[in-house]
Protein backbone atom coordinates (compact mmCIF):
# COMPACT_ATOMS: atom_id res chain seq x y z
CA MET A 1 0.00 0.00 0.00
CA GLU A 2 1.30 3.47 -0.90
CA VAL A 3 2.57 5.38 2.12
CA VAL A 4 1.66 9.06 2.47
CA VAL A 5 3.39 11.29 5.01
CA THR A 6 3.42 14.55 6.90
CA SER A 7 6.24 17.06 6.67
CA ALA A 8 7.75 15.80 9.95
CA GLU A 9 7.63 12.17 8.80
CA MET A 10 9.36 13.06 5.53
CA GLN A 11 12.01 15.04 7.40
CA ALA A 12 12.63 12.03 9.66
CA CYS A 13 13.29 9.89 6.58
CA ASP A 14 15.65 12.54 5.19
CA ARG A 15 17.56 12.77 8.48
CA TYR A 16 17.95 9.01 8.73
CA ALA A 17 19.23 8.83 5.15
CA ILE A 18 21.75 11.63 5.73
CA ASP A 19 22.81 11.11 9.35
CA THR A 20 22.66 7.32 9.70
CA LEU A 21 23.19 5.99 6.17
CA LYS A 22 25.53 8.87 5.23
CA ILE A 23 23.78 9.56 1.94
CA PRO A 24 24.93 13.13 1.17
CA GLY A 25 22.21 15.76 1.22
CA LEU A 26 23.62 17.03 -2.07
CA THR A 27 22.87 13.64 -3.63
CA LEU A 28 19.24 13.80 -2.50
CA MET A 29 18.93 17.37 -3.79
CA GLU A 30 20.49 16.45 -7.12
CA ASN A 31 18.13 13.51 -7.55
CA ALA A 32 15.17 15.72 -6.63
CA GLY A 33 16.00 18.42 -9.15
CA ARG A 34 16.72 15.94 -11.92
CA GLY A 35 13.47 14.13 -11.13
CA VAL A 36 11.49 17.35 -11.51
CA VAL A 37 12.98 17.95 -14.95
CA GLU A 38 12.27 14.38 -16.05
CA MET A 39 8.63 14.77 -15.01
CA MET A 40 8.42 18.09 -16.85
CA GLU A 41 9.61 16.31 -20.00
CA LYS A 42 7.07 13.53 -19.42
CA HIS A 43 4.17 15.96 -19.19
CA PHE A 44 5.22 18.82 -21.48
CA GLY A 45 7.50 17.16 -24.04
CA SER A 46 10.93 18.37 -25.10
CA LEU A 47 12.15 21.36 -23.07
CA THR A 48 14.74 22.46 -25.64
CA GLY A 49 14.12 26.05 -26.69
CA LYS A 50 11.39 26.64 -24.11
CA THR A 51 11.55 29.57 -21.71
CA VAL A 52 11.35 28.52 -18.07
CA VAL A 53 11.17 30.86 -15.09
CA ILE A 54 12.16 29.29 -11.77
CA LEU A 55 11.29 31.10 -8.55
CA CYS A 56 13.50 29.96 -5.68
CA GLY A 57 13.14 30.51 -1.94
CA LYS A 58 16.09 30.56 0.42
CA GLY A 59 15.67 27.02 1.79
CA ASN A 60 16.18 23.52 0.40
CA ASN A 61 13.16 23.86 -1.88
CA GLY A 62 15.03 26.69 -3.56
CA GLY A 63 18.09 24.41 -3.66
CA ASP A 64 16.03 21.89 -5.63
CA GLY A 65 15.10 24.76 -7.94
CA TYR A 66 18.74 25.57 -8.66
CA VAL A 67 19.35 21.94 -9.64
CA VAL A 68 16.26 22.11 -11.89
CA ALA A 69 17.73 25.24 -13.53
CA ARG A 70 21.05 23.51 -14.24
CA HIS A 71 19.42 20.48 -15.83
CA LEU A 72 17.10 22.64 -17.91
CA PHE A 73 20.08 24.67 -19.11
CA ASN A 74 21.82 21.43 -20.10
CA ARG A 75 18.73 20.48 -22.13
CA GLY A 76 18.81 23.70 -24.10
CA ALA A 77 16.02 25.59 -22.36
CA LYS A 78 16.21 29.33 -21.78
CA VAL A 79 16.26 29.56 -17.99
CA VAL A 80 15.58 32.59 -15.79
CA VAL A 81 16.03 32.04 -12.05
CA GLY A 82 14.35 34.49 -9.70
CA VAL A 83 15.92 34.47 -6.23
CA LEU A 84 13.55 35.49 -3.42
CA GLY A 85 15.41 36.94 -0.47
CA LYS A 86 19.08 37.73 -0.01
CA GLY A 87 21.71 35.43 -1.46
CA SER A 88 23.54 35.63 1.86
CA GLU A 89 20.59 33.90 3.56
CA ILE A 90 20.97 30.76 1.44
CA LYS A 91 22.68 28.01 3.46
CA GLY A 92 23.99 24.45 3.23
CA ASP A 93 23.36 22.31 0.17
CA ALA A 94 21.13 24.96 -1.35
CA LYS A 95 24.00 27.46 -1.19
CA ILE A 96 26.37 25.03 -2.95
CA ASN A 97 23.91 24.61 -5.83
CA TYR A 98 23.23 28.37 -5.92
CA GLU A 99 26.93 29.20 -6.19
CA CYS A 100 27.42 26.48 -8.81
CA LEU A 101 24.61 28.02 -10.89
CA GLN A 102 26.14 31.48 -10.53
CA LYS A 103 29.44 30.21 -11.93
CA ILE A 104 27.71 28.54 -14.88
CA ALA A 105 25.77 31.73 -15.62
CA ALA A 106 28.97 33.83 -15.45
CA LYS A 107 31.00 31.42 -17.58
CA PHE A 108 28.38 30.92 -20.30
CA LYS A 109 26.63 34.29 -20.25
CA LYS A 110 26.69 34.72 -24.03
CA GLY A 111 23.27 34.16 -25.50
CA GLY A 112 21.52 34.72 -22.18
CA MET A 113 20.35 31.11 -21.91
CA LEU A 114 20.84 31.16 -18.12
CA GLN A 115 20.04 34.27 -16.10
CA ILE A 116 19.82 34.78 -12.33
CA GLN A 117 17.83 37.72 -11.01
CA ASP A 118 17.41 38.91 -7.44
CA LEU A 119 13.72 39.64 -6.91
CA LYS A 120 14.16 42.25 -4.20
CA SER A 121 10.78 43.89 -4.75
CA ASN A 122 7.47 43.24 -6.47
CA LYS A 123 8.49 45.62 -9.24
CA THR A 124 11.20 43.24 -10.38
CA LEU A 125 8.55 40.64 -11.26
CA ARG A 126 7.83 42.78 -14.32
CA LEU A 127 11.36 42.09 -15.56
CA LEU A 128 10.69 38.37 -15.82
CA PRO A 129 10.04 37.15 -19.37
CA GLN A 130 6.87 35.53 -20.67
CA ALA A 131 7.52 31.87 -19.94
CA ASP A 132 6.32 28.57 -21.33
CA ILE A 133 6.71 27.07 -17.84
CA VAL A 134 6.99 28.63 -14.38
CA VAL A 135 8.57 26.51 -11.66
CA ASP A 136 7.60 27.15 -8.04
CA ALA A 137 10.49 26.27 -5.70
CA ILE A 138 9.66 28.75 -2.95
CA PHE A 139 8.62 26.98 0.27
CA GLY A 140 8.35 23.17 0.03
CA THR A 141 7.09 20.87 2.79
CA GLY A 142 8.08 22.98 5.78
CA PHE A 143 5.54 25.73 5.19
CA SER A 144 2.56 26.43 7.46
CA GLY A 145 0.43 29.45 8.32
CA GLU A 146 -0.14 32.51 6.16
CA VAL A 147 2.01 33.56 3.24
CA ARG A 148 3.71 36.87 4.04
CA GLU A 149 3.01 39.84 1.80
CA SER A 150 6.35 39.80 -0.07
CA TYR A 151 5.82 36.17 -1.08
CA LYS A 152 2.06 36.56 -1.51
CA SER A 153 2.49 38.90 -4.47
CA VAL A 154 4.90 36.42 -6.11
CA ILE A 155 2.41 33.58 -5.76
CA GLU A 156 -0.38 35.77 -7.14
CA TRP A 157 1.89 36.60 -10.09
CA ILE A 158 2.51 32.89 -10.72
CA ASN A 159 -1.22 32.16 -10.71
CA LYS A 160 -1.93 35.06 -13.06
CA VAL A 161 0.58 34.33 -15.84
CA ASP A 162 -0.45 32.27 -18.84
CA SER A 163 2.14 29.52 -18.42
CA LYS A 164 2.24 25.92 -17.29
CA LYS A 165 2.98 25.82 -13.57
CA VAL A 166 5.14 23.23 -11.84
CA SER A 167 5.55 23.04 -8.06
CA VAL A 168 8.53 21.37 -6.44
CA ASP A 169 7.46 19.01 -3.63
CA VAL A 170 4.36 21.00 -2.53
CA PRO A 171 2.68 24.06 -4.06
CA SER A 172 3.88 27.07 -2.10
CA GLY A 173 1.22 28.21 0.36
CA VAL A 174 -0.12 24.68 0.93
CA ASN A 175 0.40 23.03 4.31
CA ALA A 176 1.99 19.64 3.52
CA ASN A 177 0.42 18.07 6.63
CA ASN A 178 -3.22 18.69 5.87
CA GLY A 179 -3.65 20.65 2.63
CA GLU A 180 -4.75 23.82 4.41
CA ILE A 181 -4.41 27.13 2.56
CA SER A 182 -4.52 30.12 4.89
CA ASN A 183 -4.58 32.91 2.32
CA VAL A 184 -2.96 32.08 -1.03
CA ALA A 185 -1.21 29.16 -2.75
CA VAL A 186 0.26 28.29 -6.12
CA LYS A 187 -2.23 26.55 -8.40
CA ALA A 188 0.02 24.08 -10.16
CA ASP A 189 -0.61 22.00 -13.25
CA LEU A 190 2.01 19.52 -12.04
CA THR A 191 3.48 18.88 -8.61
CA VAL A 192 6.61 16.75 -8.42
CA THR A 193 7.03 15.53 -4.85
CA MET A 194 10.03 13.76 -3.41
CA ALA A 195 10.25 10.13 -2.27
CA LEU A 196 6.73 9.87 -0.78
CA ASN A 197 3.37 11.47 -1.38
CA LYS A 198 2.27 14.12 1.13
CA ILE A 199 -1.10 14.30 2.88
CA GLY A 200 -1.40 17.95 1.91
CA LEU A 201 -1.39 17.08 -1.79
CA ILE A 202 -4.48 14.89 -1.56
CA ALA A 203 -6.54 16.65 1.12
CA SER A 204 -8.48 19.88 1.62
CA GLY A 205 -7.42 22.83 -0.56
CA GLY A 206 -4.12 21.19 -1.40
CA MET A 207 -5.75 18.68 -3.72
CA CYS A 208 -7.20 21.57 -5.73
CA CYS A 209 -3.77 23.23 -6.06
CA ALA A 210 -1.51 20.25 -6.75
CA GLY A 211 -2.71 19.40 -10.26
CA GLN A 212 -1.18 16.14 -11.46
CA VAL A 213 1.02 14.69 -8.71
CA GLU A 214 4.15 12.71 -9.53
CA VAL A 215 6.33 11.05 -6.88
CA VAL A 216 10.00 10.74 -7.78
CA ASP A 217 12.65 8.47 -6.31
CA ILE A 218 15.50 10.46 -4.76
CA SER A 219 17.43 7.39 -3.47
CA ILE A 220 15.94 7.16 0.02
CA PRO A 221 15.79 3.40 0.69
CA LYS A 222 12.27 2.04 1.19
CA GLU A 223 13.46 0.32 4.34
CA ILE A 224 13.77 3.75 5.99
CA VAL A 225 10.06 4.32 5.44
CA ALA A 226 9.21 1.03 7.14
CA LEU A 227 11.36 2.01 10.14
CA GLN A 228 9.20 5.11 10.62
CA LYS A 229 6.15 2.81 11.13
CA PRO A 230 3.84 4.72 8.76
CA THR A 231 0.18 5.08 9.71
CA THR A 232 -1.32 6.77 6.65
CA PHE A 233 -1.82 5.13 3.26
CA ILE A 234 -3.42 5.73 -0.12
CA VAL A 235 -5.72 2.91 -1.28
CA HIS A 236 -5.33 1.71 -4.87
CA GLY A 237 -7.04 -1.04 -6.84
CA GLU A 238 -4.38 -3.66 -6.15
CA ASP A 239 -4.77 -3.11 -2.40
CA VAL A 240 -8.48 -3.84 -2.68
CA ARG A 241 -8.01 -6.81 -5.00
CA LYS A 242 -5.81 -8.51 -2.41
CA VAL A 243 -8.47 -8.42 0.31
CA LEU A 244 -11.74 -8.94 -1.59
CA PRO A 245 -13.56 -12.11 -0.47
CA VAL A 246 -13.42 -15.22 -2.64
CA ARG A 247 -16.68 -17.17 -2.75
CA PRO A 248 -16.16 -20.90 -2.04
CA LEU A 249 -17.59 -23.55 -4.36
CA ASN A 250 -19.97 -24.78 -1.66
CA ALA A 251 -21.37 -21.32 -0.89
CA HIS A 252 -25.05 -20.79 -0.12
CA LYS A 253 -27.03 -17.64 0.62
CA HIS A 254 -26.67 -17.92 4.39
CA SER A 255 -22.93 -18.62 4.28
CA VAL A 256 -21.92 -15.51 2.31
CA GLY A 257 -23.48 -12.87 4.48
CA LYS A 258 -26.83 -12.16 6.14
CA ILE A 259 -27.60 -8.47 6.63
CA PHE A 260 -30.39 -6.74 8.48
CA VAL A 261 -30.91 -3.17 7.27
CA LEU A 262 -32.92 -0.81 9.45
CA ALA A 263 -33.81 2.12 7.24
CA GLY A 264 -36.46 4.36 5.76
CA SER A 265 -39.38 6.51 6.86
CA ARG A 266 -42.17 8.48 5.20
CA GLY A 267 -40.54 10.50 2.42
CA TYR A 268 -37.22 8.63 2.67
CA THR A 269 -37.86 5.28 1.02
CA GLY A 270 -35.07 5.81 -1.51
CA ALA A 271 -32.39 5.69 1.17
CA ALA A 272 -33.67 2.33 2.40
CA ALA A 273 -33.92 0.86 -1.10
CA MET A 274 -30.44 2.00 -2.16
CA THR A 275 -28.78 0.73 1.00
CA ALA A 276 -30.41 -2.70 0.89
CA GLY A 277 -29.95 -3.09 -2.86
CA SER A 278 -26.28 -2.10 -2.74
CA ALA A 279 -25.62 -4.64 0.04
CA MET A 280 -26.82 -7.36 -2.29
CA ARG A 281 -24.87 -5.96 -5.23
CA ALA A 282 -21.75 -6.16 -3.09
CA GLY A 283 -22.26 -9.90 -2.72
CA ALA A 284 -24.32 -10.44 0.44
CA GLY A 285 -26.34 -13.65 0.33
CA ALA A 286 -29.50 -12.44 2.05
CA VAL A 287 -30.76 -9.02 3.08
CA ILE A 288 -33.79 -8.19 5.21
CA LEU A 289 -34.93 -4.58 5.23
CA GLY A 290 -36.80 -3.49 8.35
CA THR A 291 -38.88 -0.40 7.62
CA PRO A 292 -41.99 1.38 8.99
CA ASN A 293 -45.41 -0.16 8.28
CA SER A 294 -46.58 2.92 6.43
CA VAL A 295 -43.83 2.77 3.80
CA TYR A 296 -43.67 -1.02 3.56
CA PRO A 297 -45.91 -1.24 0.42
CA ILE A 298 -43.64 1.17 -1.47
CA LEU A 299 -40.45 -0.72 -0.63
CA ALA A 300 -41.97 -4.17 -1.10
CA LYS A 301 -42.89 -3.14 -4.64
CA LYS A 302 -39.56 -1.43 -5.33
CA LEU A 303 -37.29 -4.25 -4.13
CA THR A 304 -37.28 -7.75 -5.58
CA GLU A 305 -34.35 -9.68 -4.10
CA VAL A 306 -34.46 -7.96 -0.71
CA MET A 307 -36.87 -9.28 1.91
CA VAL A 308 -38.88 -6.36 3.31
CA GLU A 309 -40.19 -6.55 6.88
CA PRO A 310 -42.90 -4.08 8.04
CA LEU A 311 -42.29 -2.74 11.55
CA PRO A 312 -44.46 -0.77 13.99
CA ASP A 313 -44.30 2.95 13.26
CA THR A 314 -45.15 6.33 14.73
CA GLU A 315 -47.85 8.69 13.51
CA GLU A 316 -45.15 10.44 11.48
CA GLY A 317 -44.32 7.24 9.58
CA THR A 318 -41.04 6.54 11.38
CA LEU A 319 -39.83 3.53 13.35
CA SER A 320 -41.50 3.12 16.73
CA LEU A 321 -40.01 1.91 20.01
CA ALA A 322 -42.56 -0.89 19.79
CA ALA A 323 -40.54 -2.32 16.88
CA PHE A 324 -37.61 -3.27 19.12
CA ASP A 325 -38.61 -6.90 19.80
CA LYS A 326 -38.99 -7.68 16.09
CA ILE A 327 -35.77 -5.82 15.33
CA GLN A 328 -33.96 -7.87 17.97
CA GLU A 329 -35.09 -11.12 16.31
CA HIS A 330 -33.67 -10.00 12.97
CA MET A 331 -30.46 -8.79 14.57
CA GLN A 332 -29.93 -12.24 16.09
CA TRP A 333 -30.34 -13.75 12.59
CA ALA A 334 -27.99 -11.33 10.86
CA ASP A 335 -24.21 -11.29 10.56
CA ILE A 336 -24.18 -7.52 10.02
CA ILE A 337 -26.57 -4.73 11.00
CA ILE A 338 -26.82 -1.55 8.88
CA CYS A 339 -28.71 1.13 10.73
CA GLY A 340 -29.72 4.69 9.98
CA PRO A 341 -30.35 5.66 6.34
CA GLY A 342 -33.52 7.71 6.09
CA ILE A 343 -34.91 6.81 9.54
CA SER A 344 -35.50 10.47 10.56
CA ARG A 345 -34.83 12.26 13.85
CA ASN A 346 -38.23 11.60 15.33
CA ARG A 347 -37.99 11.51 19.13
CA GLU A 348 -39.31 7.97 19.50
CA THR A 349 -37.10 6.72 16.66
CA CYS A 350 -34.17 8.40 18.38
CA GLN A 351 -34.90 6.45 21.58
CA LEU A 352 -35.08 3.24 19.53
CA ILE A 353 -31.58 3.87 18.17
CA TRP A 354 -30.30 4.50 21.70
CA ARG A 355 -31.68 1.15 22.79
CA ILE A 356 -30.19 -0.67 19.81
CA ILE A 357 -26.67 0.72 20.35
CA SER A 358 -26.95 -0.12 24.07
CA GLU A 359 -28.17 -3.71 23.68
CA CYS A 360 -26.89 -4.98 20.32
CA ASP A 361 -23.58 -6.86 20.38
CA LYS A 362 -23.56 -7.69 16.65
CA LYS A 363 -21.31 -6.13 14.02
CA MET A 364 -22.96 -2.85 13.14
CA LEU A 365 -22.63 -0.12 10.53
CA MET A 366 -24.21 3.14 11.69
CA ASP A 367 -24.94 5.87 9.15
CA ALA A 368 -26.93 9.04 8.52
CA ASP A 369 -29.81 9.59 10.98
CA GLY A 370 -28.51 6.74 13.09
CA LEU A 371 -25.51 8.94 13.82
CA ASN A 372 -27.55 12.11 14.11
CA ASN A 373 -29.69 10.47 16.79
CA LEU A 374 -26.60 9.26 18.65
CA SER A 375 -25.14 12.77 18.61
CA GLU A 376 -27.70 13.61 21.31
CA LYS A 377 -26.22 10.93 23.57
CA ILE A 378 -22.55 10.57 22.66
CA SER A 379 -21.84 8.42 25.72
CA LEU A 380 -23.84 5.58 24.15
CA LEU A 381 -21.56 5.55 21.09
CA LYS A 382 -18.44 5.80 23.22
CA ASN A 383 -19.59 2.86 25.36
CA HIS A 384 -21.06 0.74 22.57
CA LEU A 385 -21.73 -2.90 23.40
CA SER A 386 -20.68 -4.21 19.99
CA LYS A 387 -16.98 -4.92 19.64
CA GLU A 388 -17.07 -4.09 15.93
CA ILE A 389 -18.67 -0.89 14.66
CA ILE A 390 -18.26 1.12 11.47
CA ILE A 391 -19.64 4.65 11.27
CA THR A 392 -19.87 6.54 7.98
CA PRO A 393 -20.46 10.25 8.66
CA HIS A 394 -20.15 13.18 6.32
CA MET A 395 -18.61 16.33 7.79
CA GLY A 396 -21.89 17.65 9.18
CA GLU A 397 -22.62 14.40 10.99
CA LEU A 398 -19.08 14.19 12.34
CA SER A 399 -19.39 17.78 13.50
CA ARG A 400 -22.43 16.85 15.57
CA LEU A 401 -20.62 13.83 17.02
CA THR A 402 -17.43 15.66 17.95
CA GLY A 403 -18.49 19.25 18.60
CA LEU A 404 -15.92 20.45 16.04
CA SER A 405 -17.03 22.80 13.30
CA VAL A 406 -17.26 21.65 9.70
CA VAL A 407 -14.50 24.15 8.87
CA GLU A 408 -12.18 22.62 11.50
CA ILE A 409 -12.83 19.11 10.18
CA GLU A 410 -12.28 20.09 6.55
CA LYS A 411 -8.98 21.76 7.42
CA ASP A 412 -7.53 18.57 8.94
CA ARG A 413 -9.73 15.63 8.00
CA VAL A 414 -7.01 12.97 8.27
CA ARG A 415 -5.95 13.92 11.79
CA ILE A 416 -9.51 14.36 13.03
CA ALA A 417 -10.69 11.07 11.52
CA ARG A 418 -7.76 9.29 13.18
CA GLN A 419 -8.38 10.99 16.52
CA THR A 420 -12.15 10.26 16.49
CA ALA A 421 -11.79 6.61 15.50
CA LYS A 422 -9.38 6.05 18.39
CA GLN A 423 -11.59 7.95 20.80
CA PHE A 424 -14.74 5.97 19.96
CA ARG A 425 -12.90 2.64 19.41
CA LEU A 426 -14.30 1.92 15.95
CA THR A 427 -13.72 2.24 12.23
CA LEU A 428 -14.73 5.63 10.87
CA VAL A 429 -15.37 6.48 7.23
CA LEU A 430 -15.31 10.27 6.84
CA LYS A 431 -17.04 10.90 3.53
CA GLY A 432 -15.88 13.72 1.27
CA ALA A 433 -13.02 14.63 -1.01
CA PRO A 434 -11.09 12.54 -0.33
CA THR A 435 -12.95 9.98 1.75
CA VAL A 436 -10.81 8.91 4.70
CA THR A 437 -11.09 5.62 6.60
CA ALA A 438 -9.57 5.46 10.09
CA ASP A 439 -9.59 2.73 12.73
CA GLU A 440 -9.09 2.45 16.47
CA THR A 441 -5.40 1.56 16.06
CA GLY A 442 -4.66 4.91 14.44
CA MET A 443 -4.29 3.65 10.87
CA VAL A 444 -5.72 5.88 8.13
CA TYR A 445 -6.55 4.94 4.55
CA ILE A 446 -7.14 7.70 1.99
CA ASN A 447 -9.25 6.84 -1.03
CA SER A 448 -7.99 7.42 -4.57
CA THR A 449 -11.23 7.05 -6.56
CA GLY A 450 -14.34 9.15 -7.07
CA ASN A 451 -15.19 12.47 -8.73
CA PRO A 452 -17.11 15.71 -8.11
CA GLY A 453 -20.21 14.28 -9.80
CA MET A 454 -20.69 12.11 -6.73
CA ALA A 455 -21.62 15.17 -4.67
CA SER A 456 -25.33 14.38 -4.89
CA ALA A 457 -28.07 12.89 -2.72
CA GLY A 458 -28.14 9.15 -2.06
CA MET A 459 -24.44 8.42 -2.63
CA GLY A 460 -23.90 7.71 1.07
CA ASP A 461 -26.75 5.19 1.11
CA VAL A 462 -25.13 3.24 -1.73
CA LEU A 463 -21.81 3.36 0.13
CA SER A 464 -23.28 2.01 3.38
CA GLY A 465 -24.82 -0.96 1.59
CA LEU A 466 -21.62 -1.64 -0.32
CA ILE A 467 -19.45 -1.64 2.80
CA GLY A 468 -21.96 -3.75 4.71
CA GLY A 469 -22.20 -6.26 1.87
CA LEU A 470 -18.43 -6.76 1.81
CA TRP A 471 -18.19 -6.95 5.60
CA ALA A 472 -20.90 -9.61 5.77
CA GLN A 473 -18.83 -11.88 3.53
CA GLY A 474 -16.14 -12.21 6.18
CA MET A 475 -13.82 -9.29 5.51
CA ALA A 476 -12.15 -7.52 8.43
CA LYS A 477 -14.13 -4.37 9.20
CA THR A 478 -11.49 -1.80 8.25
CA GLU A 479 -10.64 -3.65 5.04
CA ALA A 480 -14.35 -3.83 4.21
CA ALA A 481 -14.65 -0.11 4.88
CA TYR A 482 -11.76 1.13 2.71
CA SER A 483 -12.52 -1.44 0.00
CA GLY A 484 -16.17 -0.39 -0.10
CA VAL A 485 -15.10 3.25 -0.35
CA TYR A 486 -12.72 2.45 -3.20
CA LEU A 487 -15.30 0.40 -5.15
CA HIS A 488 -17.94 3.07 -4.57
CA GLY A 489 -15.63 5.75 -5.99
CA TYR A 490 -14.57 3.50 -8.85
CA SER A 491 -18.22 2.78 -9.69
CA GLY A 492 -18.72 6.54 -9.72
CA ASP A 493 -15.78 6.99 -12.09
CA LEU A 494 -17.19 4.38 -14.46
CA ALA A 495 -20.63 5.99 -14.29
CA MET A 496 -19.13 9.43 -14.95
CA LYS A 497 -17.60 8.18 -18.20
CA LYS A 498 -21.11 7.31 -19.36
CA TYR A 499 -23.20 10.12 -17.91
CA GLY A 500 -20.76 12.94 -17.15
CA GLU A 501 -20.37 14.68 -13.79
CA LYS A 502 -23.40 16.96 -13.71
CA SER A 503 -25.95 14.23 -14.47
CA LEU A 504 -24.56 11.57 -12.14
CA LEU A 505 -27.11 9.96 -9.78
CA ALA A 506 -26.67 7.56 -6.89
CA MET A 507 -28.45 4.77 -8.75
CA ASP A 508 -26.02 5.24 -11.66
CA VAL A 509 -23.22 4.45 -9.22
CA HIS A 510 -25.22 1.51 -7.85
CA SER A 511 -25.62 0.09 -11.37
CA PHE A 512 -21.84 0.09 -11.93
CA ILE A 513 -20.96 -1.83 -8.75
CA PRO A 514 -20.78 -5.20 -10.60
CA GLN A 515 -18.41 -3.82 -13.25
CA SER A 516 -16.21 -2.12 -10.68
CA ILE A 517 -15.84 -5.36 -8.72
CA LEU A 518 -15.10 -7.34 -11.88
CA GLU A 519 -12.45 -4.89 -13.02
CA VAL A 520 -10.75 -4.63 -9.63
CA GLU A 521 -10.74 -8.42 -9.26
CA GLY A 522 -9.24 -8.67 -12.74
CA GLY A 523 -6.53 -6.10 -11.99
CA ILE A 524 -8.02 -3.59 -14.44
CA THR A 525 -8.53 -0.05 -13.14
CA LEU A 526 -9.02 3.34 -14.76
């Protein structure tokens, strides 16, 4: 599984490589700069004759930029290096590469193919030529907080010019740990990051600024990464293929997963139907849907393979406390309970959910209004009887569970998902872009599939059924969760190719579940 790191974790790998293994920092910087140029060639073609402006800060990110400049010069590009800050402030390996570049520029100044300019004020930005490519080597992974005014105007200039933009390691202005942008950040077409992917490139505002992300090898041994005991990973198709259940030859409907879905209320029959239907599409052998008496006829007509059980309801057409005994019977039958989609926040229904979480010891997936009802009595979720629970909140639902604002969660979704999963002792799927799965051990799995077209009603109901259907077939709960998330996003990507983003519906995603499973099992992914 692909490891993804924070700035501190990457720095620990660098220090181990340099201090313990005695790999020179200059070697790592050289490999980084050369890797950036190779990725530029991959994405933009031959660089010979192109004009490239490289904006370099005074740290190691700027040092990478000086190496980029040298390799571009060697390839026949016209290179203009803009130095931000005083040359005297450049230290260490970056200084060596800066001085080397100065000597090359002085020795081969005829033709002006390599120029170095000190950008001492905003006015000097006007002296920079119109470029085919602008390279951002200003801050790198160590940046956090707000961009100061002197740098802010440079970043705004980068974003304004009509050139391809390349960021070295992390777009300047993006926090590498969480993707937060305080005021301004470079909007890159391509980000070339070193050794390992960074959380900030695939989360929050960072994912909107990174463009295409390429990870380049800079000669840090993979064994160093393992020594750091990584806890954050990106999920790809091969990771899911390895853990998907294999159906035995002697399988029967009760041996491959029995699921009881408690869902629906007056006006919310779609949520119940999509959850139950997606559980079967994921491979569950038998699904019973428990739903209020008043909506039973609608769901019995809508669903064919799912068994629909009418339950006592309130005057508002929601599940009544009187339904508990029947619900308990079905919970004893089931391997997995899915609870919450479309059940409403009716007071009596809320009390029913409290009783279920207090008395049910079965594996349980809690979603939507199940979570909203529990937010009124958090202690019940913290002290859940079941040893295995998955919750699948969106940011609003997680906000109600944790007391954190949606803005706080969005700024640091990986850390908060990890923290909450450990606190509640469960597996948490935080839906959004990207969807993050965290478990009670502190492991986090970031999804790599899905698209903006999936920001529409009903998608979460399909996801709950999909995760539950995989879990019922014997998968470990966290593997079922991140695999269900991946397949859900992949189904959405397949559906988008047919329908486009704007017209994508939850049932479109549901209809592509079989193809997504087939392709992932066959090792074929988009």
